[in-house]
Amino acid sequence: MLFDEVLFGKLNIFAKGMCEAYNIAMPTDQGSLVVFFSSLSKGIKMGEGNSSVLGLALYYFASSESVRDRKTTGKTFEDIFGAITGAKVEDVEFRINPPSTDVIRQYDSLCKADWKISTDYSGNKREKGDHRIEDYVLSIKTLKGKLYGRNGELLSSKFNDEINVGSFSFRSLFLNLVSDKLGDRKAGLGSSKQTIPILEKIKEEGNLDEFKKRITLFMDYVYSDDILVVFKCGYKMRIILIPAKSFRDAIVTTLDEPNGIQEFTSIWYRWENNNLRIKWKPLHSRLISKGLPMSDFILDFHTIFDNKEFMKSINAIKNSVDEGLDEVIKSANAAIKSGQFKISN
């Protein structure tokens, strides 16, 4: 919409204003993005004006109870994030498969003539990054989180615990390790319960080390970008930045545990249409228990509404827009009544 476009066009100015207020740089890499979100969280709590405007945009367009269930809010968050940081949205660009590696290409000898493992994973990797800030690429995942109310109180503890991390070729991962033809739903990979017997058989046949070698190698290639997990929580928003290495290590190291297959499948949950679904809660627990680097931020939007002076200014802007629209409506109606515009069937 027109007014969304006007607001989004100003968000980068407010972001730069916040950075100036806190004497920090605009985000261009992992470290500066961590500092940026930390400052944004602090700025919202302290009532810093630029931070509060950014917070209101995130609340009204992505996190509020009235919009957070919409499928479009994920894309809207990405639009806001891009407008704030000046990030280039990757998914609107023409993409080509990135080059594979010599190690992965060695696995092509296992394939039949009509497909290659290296091509499978090159195609998977192509679709992962959502935003590019200079040379820093991020993959963004937005989920419905626990719901918090106007005073910061917890209204509902239900949240989406499953993250779609995109396509990851299961035919390449299991090639020559499993004789059965695999697939999602009822074809072996539609749930952790289905996957466990497959991995148990791989282990019994002495191939679990090969499975771990492959998954480590393939994940390192496909999931090479940091992941930003965003929970839309009403009057709060939770943002977790997971470095690519932490994401990979949290998963593949489960296979070193005594009950490794159960640990692994509690995170590496299921495939759906070749898209891999990861369980958030066990992933997050393992990131914590293994001390793997990640950054966790809470944006307390309810504190913005407690800032009476700031909200007075926002309401004045709202009233000005309302009055301007009323004038447009009056002028249009007057033109119709005077016969300046005639509407025919």
C-alpha atoms as a PDB file:
ATOM      1  CA  MET A   1       0.000   0.000   0.000  1.00  0.00           C
ATOM      2  CA  LEU A   2       0.992   3.622  -0.520  1.00  0.00           C
ATOM      3  CA  PHE A   3       1.404   4.456   3.179  1.00  0.00           C
ATOM      4  CA  ASP A   4       3.371   1.269   3.862  1.00  0.00           C
ATOM      5  CA  GLU A   5       5.736   2.247   1.071  1.00  0.00           C
ATOM      6  CA  VAL A   6       6.206   5.728   2.532  1.00  0.00           C
ATOM      7  CA  LEU A   7       6.909   4.350   6.024  1.00  0.00           C
ATOM      8  CA  PHE A   8       9.210   1.572   4.846  1.00  0.00           C
ATOM      9  CA  GLY A   9      11.116   4.100   2.778  1.00  0.00           C
ATOM     10  CA  LYS A  10      11.944   6.024   5.975  1.00  0.00           C
ATOM     11  CA  LEU A  11      12.948   3.055   8.171  1.00  0.00           C
ATOM     12  CA  ASN A  12      16.594   3.142   7.123  1.00  0.00           C
ATOM     13  CA  ILE A  13      16.753   6.794   8.226  1.00  0.00           C
ATOM     14  CA  PHE A  14      15.409   5.872  11.661  1.00  0.00           C
ATOM     15  CA  ALA A  15      17.874   2.956  11.849  1.00  0.00           C
ATOM     16  CA  LYS A  16      20.773   5.279  11.082  1.00  0.00           C
ATOM     17  CA  GLY A  17      19.441   7.695  13.702  1.00  0.00           C
ATOM     18  CA  MET A  18      19.439   4.923  16.295  1.00  0.00           C
ATOM     19  CA  CYS A  19      22.984   3.937  15.342  1.00  0.00           C
ATOM     20  CA  GLU A  20      24.084   7.550  15.716  1.00  0.00           C
ATOM     21  CA  ALA A  21      22.385   7.778  19.128  1.00  0.00           C
ATOM     22  CA  TYR A  22      24.264   4.716  20.358  1.00  0.00           C
ATOM     23  CA  ASN A  23      27.469   5.414  18.425  1.00  0.00           C
ATOM     24  CA  ILE A  24      27.379   2.099  16.590  1.00  0.00           C
ATOM     25  CA  ALA A  25      27.766   1.125  12.945  1.00  0.00           C
ATOM     26  CA  MET A  26      24.960  -0.016  10.671  1.00  0.00           C
ATOM     27  CA  PRO A  27      24.999  -3.830  10.397  1.00  0.00           C
ATOM     28  CA  THR A  28      27.201  -5.286   7.674  1.00  0.00           C
ATOM     29  CA  ASP A  29      28.232  -8.602   9.237  1.00  0.00           C
ATOM     30  CA  GLN A  30      27.397 -10.965  12.081  1.00  0.00           C
ATOM     31  CA  GLY A  31      29.114  -8.940  14.794  1.00  0.00           C
ATOM     32  CA  SER A  32      27.599  -5.588  13.865  1.00  0.00           C
ATOM     33  CA  LEU A  33      24.145  -7.175  13.448  1.00  0.00           C
ATOM     34  CA  VAL A  34      24.367  -8.506  17.021  1.00  0.00           C
ATOM     35  CA  VAL A  35      25.260  -5.026  18.278  1.00  0.00           C
ATOM     36  CA  PHE A  36      22.418  -3.523  16.222  1.00  0.00           C
ATOM     37  CA  PHE A  37      19.724  -5.830  17.648  1.00  0.00           C
ATOM     38  CA  SER A  38      21.099  -5.405  21.158  1.00  0.00           C
ATOM     39  CA  SER A  39      20.897  -1.617  20.770  1.00  0.00           C
ATOM     40  CA  LEU A  40      17.407  -1.839  19.265  1.00  0.00           C
ATOM     41  CA  SER A  41      16.217  -3.894  22.246  1.00  0.00           C
ATOM     42  CA  LYS A  42      17.777  -1.437  24.683  1.00  0.00           C
ATOM     43  CA  GLY A  43      16.508   1.574  22.751  1.00  0.00           C
ATOM     44  CA  ILE A  44      12.911   0.340  22.800  1.00  0.00           C
ATOM     45  CA  LYS A  45      13.074  -0.224  26.563  1.00  0.00           C
ATOM     46  CA  MET A  46      14.636   3.203  27.195  1.00  0.00           C
ATOM     47  CA  GLY A  47      12.236   5.076  24.916  1.00  0.00           C
ATOM     48  CA  GLU A  48      14.803   6.174  22.321  1.00  0.00           C
ATOM     49  CA  GLY A  49      12.729   7.703  19.510  1.00  0.00           C
ATOM     50  CA  ASN A  50      14.286   6.049  16.463  1.00  0.00           C
ATOM     51  CA  SER A  51      14.208   2.624  18.119  1.00  0.00           C
ATOM     52  CA  SER A  52      10.566   3.135  19.083  1.00  0.00           C
ATOM     53  CA  VAL A  53       9.527   3.894  15.489  1.00  0.00           C
ATOM     54  CA  LEU A  54      11.300   0.740  14.282  1.00  0.00           C
ATOM     55  CA  GLY A  55       9.595  -1.211  17.065  1.00  0.00           C
ATOM     56  CA  LEU A  56       6.152   0.096  16.109  1.00  0.00           C
ATOM     57  CA  ALA A  57       6.693  -0.956  12.488  1.00  0.00           C
ATOM     58  CA  LEU A  58       7.656  -4.474  13.574  1.00  0.00           C
ATOM     59  CA  TYR A  59       4.724  -4.660  15.987  1.00  0.00           C
ATOM     60  CA  TYR A  60       1.946  -3.420  13.704  1.00  0.00           C
ATOM     61  CA  PHE A  61       3.082  -5.160  10.510  1.00  0.00           C
ATOM     62  CA  ALA A  62       4.461  -8.479  11.810  1.00  0.00           C
ATOM     63  CA  SER A  63       3.996  -9.276  15.492  1.00  0.00           C
ATOM     64  CA  SER A  64       0.622  -7.991  16.727  1.00  0.00           C
ATOM     65  CA  GLU A  65      -2.066 -10.531  17.549  1.00  0.00           C
ATOM     66  CA  SER A  66      -4.248  -9.215  14.717  1.00  0.00           C
ATOM     67  CA  VAL A  67      -1.680  -9.896  11.960  1.00  0.00           C
ATOM     68  CA  ARG A  68       0.795 -12.524  13.180  1.00  0.00           C
ATOM     69  CA  ASP A  69      -1.283 -15.481  11.948  1.00  0.00           C
ATOM     70  CA  ARG A  70      -1.223 -14.180   8.390  1.00  0.00           C
ATOM     71  CA  LYS A  71       1.043 -16.077   6.012  1.00  0.00           C
ATOM     72  CA  THR A  72       2.252 -12.755   4.609  1.00  0.00           C
ATOM     73  CA  THR A  73       3.852 -11.544   7.868  1.00  0.00           C
ATOM     74  CA  GLY A  74       7.014 -13.541   7.219  1.00  0.00           C
ATOM     75  CA  LYS A  75       7.556 -11.718   3.948  1.00  0.00           C
ATOM     76  CA  THR A  76       6.561  -8.428   5.595  1.00  0.00           C
ATOM     77  CA  PHE A  77       9.195  -8.909   8.308  1.00  0.00           C
ATOM     78  CA  GLU A  78      11.777  -9.531   5.595  1.00  0.00           C
ATOM     79  CA  ASP A  79      10.676  -6.336   3.821  1.00  0.00           C
ATOM     80  CA  ILE A  80      11.002  -4.351   7.068  1.00  0.00           C
ATOM     81  CA  PHE A  81      14.364  -5.926   7.868  1.00  0.00           C
ATOM     82  CA  GLY A  82      15.599  -5.083   4.391  1.00  0.00           C
ATOM     83  CA  ALA A  83      14.309  -1.508   4.676  1.00  0.00           C
ATOM     84  CA  ILE A  84      15.928  -1.053   8.102  1.00  0.00           C
ATOM     85  CA  THR A  85      19.338  -2.457   7.220  1.00  0.00           C
ATOM     86  CA  GLY A  86      19.478  -1.646   3.518  1.00  0.00           C
ATOM     87  CA  ALA A  87      19.783  -5.369   2.856  1.00  0.00           C
ATOM     88  CA  LYS A  88      19.318  -6.660  -0.651  1.00  0.00           C
ATOM     89  CA  VAL A  89      16.464  -9.174  -0.892  1.00  0.00           C
ATOM     90  CA  GLU A  90      17.939 -12.264  -2.508  1.00  0.00           C
ATOM     91  CA  ASP A  91      14.740 -14.095  -3.463  1.00  0.00           C
ATOM     92  CA  VAL A  92      13.714 -11.562  -6.124  1.00  0.00           C
ATOM     93  CA  GLU A  93      16.962 -11.855  -8.008  1.00  0.00           C
ATOM     94  CA  PHE A  94      17.669 -14.317 -10.794  1.00  0.00           C
ATOM     95  CA  ARG A  95      19.654 -17.101  -9.195  1.00  0.00           C
ATOM     96  CA  ILE A  96      22.010 -19.647 -10.635  1.00  0.00           C
ATOM     97  CA  ASN A  97      23.368 -22.734  -8.912  1.00  0.00           C
ATOM     98  CA  PRO A  98      26.516 -21.915  -6.944  1.00  0.00           C
ATOM     99  CA  PRO A  99      29.630 -23.963  -7.667  1.00  0.00           C
ATOM    100  CA  SER A 100      29.954 -27.271  -5.854  1.00  0.00           C
ATOM    101  CA  THR A 101      33.110 -28.538  -4.153  1.00  0.00           C
ATOM    102  CA  ASP A 102      35.594 -31.196  -5.230  1.00  0.00           C
ATOM    103  CA  VAL A 103      34.741 -33.328  -2.195  1.00  0.00           C
ATOM    104  CA  ILE A 104      31.016 -33.326  -2.954  1.00  0.00           C
ATOM    105  CA  ARG A 105      31.623 -33.977  -6.654  1.00  0.00           C
ATOM    106  CA  GLN A 106      33.445 -37.174  -5.690  1.00  0.00           C
ATOM    107  CA  TYR A 107      30.070 -38.557  -4.601  1.00  0.00           C
ATOM    108  CA  ASP A 108      28.695 -38.127  -8.133  1.00  0.00           C
ATOM    109  CA  SER A 109      30.303 -41.452  -9.052  1.00  0.00           C
ATOM    110  CA  LEU A 110      27.587 -43.163  -6.960  1.00  0.00           C
ATOM    111  CA  CYS A 111      24.793 -41.735  -9.133  1.00  0.00           C
ATOM    112  CA  LYS A 112      23.111 -42.895 -12.274  1.00  0.00           C
ATOM    113  CA  ALA A 113      23.616 -40.895 -15.431  1.00  0.00           C
ATOM    114  CA  ASP A 114      20.463 -38.745 -15.143  1.00  0.00           C
ATOM    115  CA  TRP A 115      21.331 -36.901 -11.897  1.00  0.00           C
ATOM    116  CA  LYS A 116      24.225 -35.880  -9.653  1.00  0.00           C
ATOM    117  CA  ILE A 117      24.590 -35.371  -5.931  1.00  0.00           C
ATOM    118  CA  SER A 118      26.592 -32.192  -6.529  1.00  0.00           C
ATOM    119  CA  THR A 119      23.760 -30.760  -8.648  1.00  0.00           C
ATOM    120  CA  ASP A 120      21.152 -31.668  -6.037  1.00  0.00           C
ATOM    121  CA  TYR A 121      22.946 -29.819  -3.267  1.00  0.00           C
ATOM    122  CA  SER A 122      23.987 -26.917  -5.454  1.00  0.00           C
ATOM    123  CA  GLY A 123      20.295 -26.389  -6.198  1.00  0.00           C
ATOM    124  CA  ASN A 124      19.461 -26.673  -2.482  1.00  0.00           C
ATOM    125  CA  LYS A 125      22.114 -24.115  -1.573  1.00  0.00           C
ATOM    126  CA  ARG A 126      20.929 -21.661  -4.236  1.00  0.00           C
ATOM    127  CA  GLU A 127      17.619 -21.041  -2.439  1.00  0.00           C
ATOM    128  CA  LYS A 128      18.844 -20.605   1.137  1.00  0.00           C
ATOM    129  CA  GLY A 129      19.921 -16.962   1.577  1.00  0.00           C
ATOM    130  CA  ASP A 130      17.127 -14.371   1.937  1.00  0.00           C
ATOM    131  CA  HIS A 131      19.028 -11.124   2.498  1.00  0.00           C
ATOM    132  CA  ARG A 132      22.463  -9.842   1.591  1.00  0.00           C
ATOM    133  CA  ILE A 133      24.088  -6.952   3.457  1.00  0.00           C
ATOM    134  CA  GLU A 134      27.242  -6.307   1.455  1.00  0.00           C
ATOM    135  CA  ASP A 135      28.948  -9.742   1.628  1.00  0.00           C
ATOM    136  CA  TYR A 136      26.927 -11.000   4.600  1.00  0.00           C
ATOM    137  CA  VAL A 137      24.020 -13.323   3.694  1.00  0.00           C
ATOM    138  CA  LEU A 138      21.234 -14.303   6.095  1.00  0.00           C
ATOM    139  CA  SER A 139      18.492 -16.898   6.006  1.00  0.00           C
ATOM    140  CA  ILE A 140      15.378 -15.614   7.839  1.00  0.00           C
ATOM    141  CA  LYS A 141      12.726 -17.842   9.443  1.00  0.00           C
ATOM    142  CA  THR A 142       9.606 -16.293  11.002  1.00  0.00           C
ATOM    143  CA  LEU A 143       7.391 -18.298  13.377  1.00  0.00           C
ATOM    144  CA  LYS A 144       4.394 -17.685  15.604  1.00  0.00           C
ATOM    145  CA  GLY A 145       5.715 -17.478  19.160  1.00  0.00           C
ATOM    146  CA  LYS A 146       4.185 -17.361  22.623  1.00  0.00           C
ATOM    147  CA  LEU A 147       1.639 -14.560  22.891  1.00  0.00           C
ATOM    148  CA  TYR A 148       2.283 -11.599  25.217  1.00  0.00           C
ATOM    149  CA  GLY A 149      -0.230  -8.890  26.080  1.00  0.00           C
ATOM    150  CA  ARG A 150      -0.262  -5.121  26.500  1.00  0.00           C
ATOM    151  CA  ASN A 151       1.400  -5.246  29.941  1.00  0.00           C
ATOM    152  CA  GLY A 152       3.936  -7.881  28.973  1.00  0.00           C
ATOM    153  CA  GLU A 153       1.882 -10.722  30.476  1.00  0.00           C
ATOM    154  CA  LEU A 154       1.898 -14.189  28.921  1.00  0.00           C
ATOM    155  CA  LEU A 155      -1.481 -14.848  27.268  1.00  0.00           C
ATOM    156  CA  SER A 156      -0.684 -18.128  25.519  1.00  0.00           C
ATOM    157  CA  SER A 157       2.311 -20.459  25.722  1.00  0.00           C
ATOM    158  CA  LYS A 158       1.546 -22.157  22.400  1.00  0.00           C
ATOM    159  CA  PHE A 159       4.085 -21.555  19.643  1.00  0.00           C
ATOM    160  CA  ASN A 160       5.247 -22.992  16.332  1.00  0.00           C
ATOM    161  CA  ASP A 161       8.017 -25.462  17.145  1.00  0.00           C
ATOM    162  CA  GLU A 162       8.851 -26.486  13.587  1.00  0.00           C
ATOM    163  CA  ILE A 163      11.168 -24.605  11.240  1.00  0.00           C
ATOM    164  CA  ASN A 164      11.181 -25.191   7.492  1.00  0.00           C
ATOM    165  CA  VAL A 165      14.876 -24.891   6.608  1.00  0.00           C
ATOM    166  CA  GLY A 166      14.279 -25.435   2.908  1.00  0.00           C
ATOM    167  CA  SER A 167      15.150 -28.170   0.464  1.00  0.00           C
ATOM    168  CA  PHE A 168      17.783 -30.749   1.363  1.00  0.00           C
ATOM    169  CA  SER A 169      18.093 -33.748  -0.949  1.00  0.00           C
ATOM    170  CA  PHE A 170      17.299 -36.945   0.930  1.00  0.00           C
ATOM    171  CA  ARG A 171      17.999 -39.116  -2.130  1.00  0.00           C
ATOM    172  CA  SER A 172      21.602 -37.846  -2.130  1.00  0.00           C
ATOM    173  CA  LEU A 173      21.997 -38.210   1.629  1.00  0.00           C
ATOM    174  CA  PHE A 174      20.765 -41.824   1.748  1.00  0.00           C
ATOM    175  CA  LEU A 175      22.074 -43.035  -1.636  1.00  0.00           C
ATOM    176  CA  ASN A 176      23.516 -46.573  -1.312  1.00  0.00           C
ATOM    177  CA  LEU A 177      22.961 -46.472   2.452  1.00  0.00           C
ATOM    178  CA  VAL A 178      19.297 -47.512   2.159  1.00  0.00           C
ATOM    179  CA  SER A 179      17.873 -49.942  -0.384  1.00  0.00           C
ATOM    180  CA  ASP A 180      14.254 -48.801   0.023  1.00  0.00           C
ATOM    181  CA  LYS A 181      12.839 -45.974  -2.052  1.00  0.00           C
ATOM    182  CA  LEU A 182      12.377 -43.127   0.437  1.00  0.00           C
ATOM    183  CA  GLY A 183      10.060 -40.136   0.519  1.00  0.00           C
ATOM    184  CA  ASP A 184       8.066 -37.931   2.852  1.00  0.00           C
ATOM    185  CA  ARG A 185       4.680 -38.693   4.438  1.00  0.00           C
ATOM    186  CA  LYS A 186       4.368 -42.517   4.512  1.00  0.00           C
ATOM    187  CA  ALA A 187       7.546 -43.271   2.589  1.00  0.00           C
ATOM    188  CA  GLY A 188       9.931 -43.367   5.527  1.00  0.00           C
ATOM    189  CA  LEU A 189      10.870 -39.723   6.163  1.00  0.00           C
ATOM    190  CA  GLY A 190       7.595 -38.115   7.209  1.00  0.00           C
ATOM    191  CA  SER A 191       8.372 -38.142  10.941  1.00  0.00           C
ATOM    192  CA  SER A 192      11.142 -38.891  13.412  1.00  0.00           C
ATOM    193  CA  LYS A 193       9.350 -42.116  14.320  1.00  0.00           C
ATOM    194  CA  GLN A 194       9.637 -43.259  10.706  1.00  0.00           C
ATOM    195  CA  THR A 195      13.263 -42.170  10.331  1.00  0.00           C
ATOM    196  CA  ILE A 196      14.613 -43.919  13.441  1.00  0.00           C
ATOM    197  CA  PRO A 197      14.327 -47.500  12.028  1.00  0.00           C
ATOM    198  CA  ILE A 198      16.105 -46.388   8.854  1.00  0.00           C
ATOM    199  CA  LEU A 199      19.034 -44.983  10.814  1.00  0.00           C
ATOM    200  CA  GLU A 200      19.085 -48.000  13.130  1.00  0.00           C
ATOM    201  CA  LYS A 201      19.470 -50.237  10.082  1.00  0.00           C
ATOM    202  CA  ILE A 202      22.257 -48.031   8.725  1.00  0.00           C
ATOM    203  CA  LYS A 203      23.985 -48.363  12.094  1.00  0.00           C
ATOM    204  CA  GLU A 204      23.557 -52.151  12.183  1.00  0.00           C
ATOM    205  CA  GLU A 205      25.152 -52.406   8.751  1.00  0.00           C
ATOM    206  CA  GLY A 206      28.155 -50.384   9.920  1.00  0.00           C
ATOM    207  CA  ASN A 207      27.404 -47.283   7.836  1.00  0.00           C
ATOM    208  CA  LEU A 208      26.515 -44.716  10.505  1.00  0.00           C
ATOM    209  CA  ASP A 209      29.988 -43.117  10.314  1.00  0.00           C
ATOM    210  CA  GLU A 210      29.515 -42.687   6.567  1.00  0.00           C
ATOM    211  CA  PHE A 211      26.089 -41.140   7.202  1.00  0.00           C
ATOM    212  CA  LYS A 212      27.606 -38.691   9.684  1.00  0.00           C
ATOM    213  CA  LYS A 213      30.441 -37.878   7.264  1.00  0.00           C
ATOM    214  CA  ARG A 214      27.940 -37.095   4.517  1.00  0.00           C
ATOM    215  CA  ILE A 215      25.561 -35.038   6.608  1.00  0.00           C
ATOM    216  CA  THR A 216      28.433 -32.983   8.025  1.00  0.00           C
ATOM    217  CA  LEU A 217      29.861 -32.343   4.573  1.00  0.00           C
ATOM    218  CA  PHE A 218      26.525 -31.626   2.890  1.00  0.00           C
ATOM    219  CA  MET A 219      25.196 -29.373   5.687  1.00  0.00           C
ATOM    220  CA  ASP A 220      28.425 -27.406   5.767  1.00  0.00           C
ATOM    221  CA  TYR A 221      27.920 -26.659   2.077  1.00  0.00           C
ATOM    222  CA  VAL A 222      24.137 -26.102   1.914  1.00  0.00           C
ATOM    223  CA  TYR A 223      23.633 -24.268   5.234  1.00  0.00           C
ATOM    224  CA  SER A 224      26.569 -21.894   4.994  1.00  0.00           C
ATOM    225  CA  ASP A 225      24.584 -18.744   5.894  1.00  0.00           C
ATOM    226  CA  ASP A 226      23.678 -17.597   9.406  1.00  0.00           C
ATOM    227  CA  ILE A 227      20.038 -18.145  10.371  1.00  0.00           C
ATOM    228  CA  LEU A 228      17.786 -15.488  11.892  1.00  0.00           C
ATOM    229  CA  VAL A 229      14.836 -17.066  13.732  1.00  0.00           C
ATOM    230  CA  VAL A 230      12.048 -14.584  14.506  1.00  0.00           C
ATOM    231  CA  PHE A 231       9.147 -15.342  16.851  1.00  0.00           C
ATOM    232  CA  LYS A 232       6.088 -13.102  16.460  1.00  0.00           C
ATOM    233  CA  CYS A 233       4.797 -12.828  20.033  1.00  0.00           C
ATOM    234  CA  GLY A 234       2.269 -10.010  20.102  1.00  0.00           C
ATOM    235  CA  TYR A 235       3.660  -7.224  22.285  1.00  0.00           C
ATOM    236  CA  LYS A 236       7.051  -8.939  22.233  1.00  0.00           C
ATOM    237  CA  MET A 237       9.281 -10.192  19.466  1.00  0.00           C
ATOM    238  CA  ARG A 238      12.058 -12.695  20.022  1.00  0.00           C
ATOM    239  CA  ILE A 239      14.952 -12.759  17.560  1.00  0.00           C
ATOM    240  CA  ILE A 240      17.672 -15.437  17.668  1.00  0.00           C
ATOM    241  CA  LEU A 241      20.743 -15.228  15.448  1.00  0.00           C
ATOM    242  CA  ILE A 242      22.334 -18.656  14.929  1.00  0.00           C
ATOM    243  CA  PRO A 243      25.733 -18.794  13.211  1.00  0.00           C
ATOM    244  CA  ALA A 244      25.867 -21.370  10.427  1.00  0.00           C
ATOM    245  CA  LYS A 245      28.525 -23.438  12.222  1.00  0.00           C
ATOM    246  CA  SER A 246      26.491 -23.534  15.443  1.00  0.00           C
ATOM    247  CA  PHE A 247      23.431 -24.734  13.518  1.00  0.00           C
ATOM    248  CA  ARG A 248      25.381 -27.521  11.856  1.00  0.00           C
ATOM    249  CA  ASP A 249      27.323 -28.583  14.962  1.00  0.00           C
ATOM    250  CA  ALA A 250      24.203 -28.710  17.140  1.00  0.00           C
ATOM    251  CA  ILE A 251      22.760 -31.301  14.768  1.00  0.00           C
ATOM    252  CA  VAL A 252      25.633 -33.484  13.578  1.00  0.00           C
ATOM    253  CA  THR A 253      27.271 -33.884  17.005  1.00  0.00           C
ATOM    254  CA  THR A 254      24.124 -35.621  18.278  1.00  0.00           C
ATOM    255  CA  LEU A 255      25.306 -38.716  16.401  1.00  0.00           C
ATOM    256  CA  ASP A 256      28.285 -38.967  18.780  1.00  0.00           C
ATOM    257  CA  GLU A 257      25.983 -39.443  21.775  1.00  0.00           C
ATOM    258  CA  PRO A 258      25.161 -42.911  23.225  1.00  0.00           C
ATOM    259  CA  ASN A 259      21.529 -42.423  22.134  1.00  0.00           C
ATOM    260  CA  GLY A 260      22.595 -40.430  19.103  1.00  0.00           C
ATOM    261  CA  ILE A 261      19.905 -41.541  16.675  1.00  0.00           C
ATOM    262  CA  GLN A 262      17.125 -40.459  19.056  1.00  0.00           C
ATOM    263  CA  GLU A 263      18.929 -37.161  19.768  1.00  0.00           C
ATOM    264  CA  PHE A 264      19.446 -36.561  16.057  1.00  0.00           C
ATOM    265  CA  THR A 265      15.857 -37.268  15.007  1.00  0.00           C
ATOM    266  CA  SER A 266      14.448 -35.112  17.815  1.00  0.00           C
ATOM    267  CA  ILE A 267      15.949 -32.140  15.910  1.00  0.00           C
ATOM    268  CA  TRP A 268      16.213 -33.426  12.323  1.00  0.00           C
ATOM    269  CA  TYR A 269      12.494 -34.080  12.343  1.00  0.00           C
ATOM    270  CA  ARG A 270      10.954 -34.764   8.924  1.00  0.00           C
ATOM    271  CA  TRP A 271      10.811 -34.010   5.219  1.00  0.00           C
ATOM    272  CA  GLU A 272       7.814 -32.548   3.412  1.00  0.00           C
ATOM    273  CA  ASN A 273       8.026 -32.139  -0.378  1.00  0.00           C
ATOM    274  CA  ASN A 274      11.821 -32.435  -0.072  1.00  0.00           C
ATOM    275  CA  ASN A 275      11.833 -29.535   2.421  1.00  0.00           C
ATOM    276  CA  LEU A 276      13.495 -30.373   5.723  1.00  0.00           C
ATOM    277  CA  ARG A 277      11.641 -29.538   8.940  1.00  0.00           C
ATOM    278  CA  ILE A 278      13.675 -28.905  12.100  1.00  0.00           C
ATOM    279  CA  LYS A 279      12.271 -28.952  15.646  1.00  0.00           C
ATOM    280  CA  TRP A 280      13.106 -25.663  17.345  1.00  0.00           C
ATOM    281  CA  LYS A 281      12.910 -26.593  21.033  1.00  0.00           C
ATOM    282  CA  PRO A 282      15.410 -29.505  20.965  1.00  0.00           C
ATOM    283  CA  LEU A 283      17.674 -27.530  18.617  1.00  0.00           C
ATOM    284  CA  HIS A 284      17.674 -24.554  20.985  1.00  0.00           C
ATOM    285  CA  SER A 285      18.248 -26.810  24.008  1.00  0.00           C
ATOM    286  CA  ARG A 286      21.268 -28.391  22.350  1.00  0.00           C
ATOM    287  CA  LEU A 287      22.720 -25.034  21.326  1.00  0.00           C
ATOM    288  CA  ILE A 288      22.558 -24.067  25.007  1.00  0.00           C
ATOM    289  CA  SER A 289      23.756 -27.369  26.486  1.00  0.00           C
ATOM    290  CA  LYS A 290      26.780 -27.519  24.164  1.00  0.00           C
ATOM    291  CA  GLY A 291      27.610 -23.833  24.629  1.00  0.00           C
ATOM    292  CA  LEU A 292      27.411 -23.155  20.905  1.00  0.00           C
ATOM    293  CA  PRO A 293      27.489 -19.453  19.964  1.00  0.00           C
ATOM    294  CA  MET A 294      24.161 -17.743  19.285  1.00  0.00           C
ATOM    295  CA  SER A 295      22.558 -14.410  20.159  1.00  0.00           C
ATOM    296  CA  ASP A 296      19.075 -13.987  21.663  1.00  0.00           C
ATOM    297  CA  PHE A 297      17.151 -10.683  21.719  1.00  0.00           C
ATOM    298  CA  ILE A 298      13.757  -9.625  23.089  1.00  0.00           C
ATOM    299  CA  LEU A 299      11.972  -6.563  21.735  1.00  0.00           C
ATOM    300  CA  ASP A 300       9.467  -5.380  24.386  1.00  0.00           C
ATOM    301  CA  PHE A 301       6.970  -3.451  22.278  1.00  0.00           C
ATOM    302  CA  HIS A 302       4.628  -2.812  25.218  1.00  0.00           C
ATOM    303  CA  THR A 303       7.130  -0.324  26.656  1.00  0.00           C
ATOM    304  CA  ILE A 304       6.663   1.857  23.564  1.00  0.00           C
ATOM    305  CA  PHE A 305       2.978   2.327  24.363  1.00  0.00           C
ATOM    306  CA  ASP A 306       3.878   3.334  27.941  1.00  0.00           C
ATOM    307  CA  ASN A 307       5.885   6.287  26.605  1.00  0.00           C
ATOM    308  CA  LYS A 308       3.134   8.941  26.662  1.00  0.00           C
ATOM    309  CA  GLU A 309       5.135  11.718  24.980  1.00  0.00           C
ATOM    310  CA  PHE A 310       6.220   9.471  22.130  1.00  0.00           C
ATOM    311  CA  MET A 311       2.723   8.074  21.591  1.00  0.00           C
ATOM    312  CA  LYS A 312       1.343  11.631  21.669  1.00  0.00           C
ATOM    313  CA  SER A 313       3.579  12.450  18.697  1.00  0.00           C
ATOM    314  CA  ILE A 314       2.577   9.252  16.888  1.00  0.00           C
ATOM    315  CA  ASN A 315      -1.115   9.985  17.428  1.00  0.00           C
ATOM    316  CA  ALA A 316      -0.624  13.515  16.106  1.00  0.00           C
ATOM    317  CA  ILE A 317       0.828  12.051  12.908  1.00  0.00           C
ATOM    318  CA  LYS A 318      -2.072   9.591  12.709  1.00  0.00           C
ATOM    319  CA  ASN A 319      -4.618  12.398  13.133  1.00  0.00           C
ATOM    320  CA  SER A 320      -2.881  14.462  10.476  1.00  0.00           C
ATOM    321  CA  VAL A 321      -3.072  11.575   8.023  1.00  0.00           C
ATOM    322  CA  ASP A 322      -6.755  11.030   8.899  1.00  0.00           C
ATOM    323  CA  GLU A 323      -7.522  14.700   8.267  1.00  0.00           C
ATOM    324  CA  GLY A 324      -5.648  14.639   4.971  1.00  0.00           C
ATOM    325  CA  LEU A 325      -7.604  11.596   3.798  1.00  0.00           C
ATOM    326  CA  ASP A 326     -10.874  13.253   4.831  1.00  0.00           C
ATOM    327  CA  GLU A 327      -9.989  16.214   2.603  1.00  0.00           C
ATOM    328  CA  VAL A 328      -9.260  13.874  -0.313  1.00  0.00           C
ATOM    329  CA  ILE A 329     -12.623  12.143   0.203  1.00  0.00           C
ATOM    330  CA  LYS A 330     -14.472  15.472   0.355  1.00  0.00           C
ATOM    331  CA  SER A 331     -12.804  16.722  -2.817  1.00  0.00           C
ATOM    332  CA  ALA A 332     -13.576  13.482  -4.670  1.00  0.00           C
ATOM    333  CA  ASN A 333     -17.236  13.513  -3.602  1.00  0.00           C
ATOM    334  CA  ALA A 334     -17.597  17.189  -4.533  1.00  0.00           C
ATOM    335  CA  ALA A 335     -16.192  16.486  -7.995  1.00  0.00           C
ATOM    336  CA  ILE A 336     -18.675  13.647  -8.504  1.00  0.00           C
ATOM    337  CA  LYS A 337     -21.650  15.756  -7.350  1.00  0.00           C
ATOM    338  CA  SER A 338     -20.675  18.651  -9.599  1.00  0.00           C
ATOM    339  CA  GLY A 339     -20.633  16.360 -12.596  1.00  0.00           C
ATOM    340  CA  GLN A 340     -16.909  16.689 -13.163  1.00  0.00           C
ATOM    341  CA  PHE A 341     -16.683  12.886 -13.082  1.00  0.00           C
ATOM    342  CA  LYS A 342     -19.399  10.680 -14.488  1.00  0.00           C
ATOM    343  CA  ILE A 343     -19.297   6.941 -13.811  1.00  0.00           C
ATOM    344  CA  SER A 344     -20.945   4.810 -16.489  1.00  0.00           C
ATOM    345  CA  ASN A 345     -21.734   1.111 -16.425  1.00  0.00           C
END
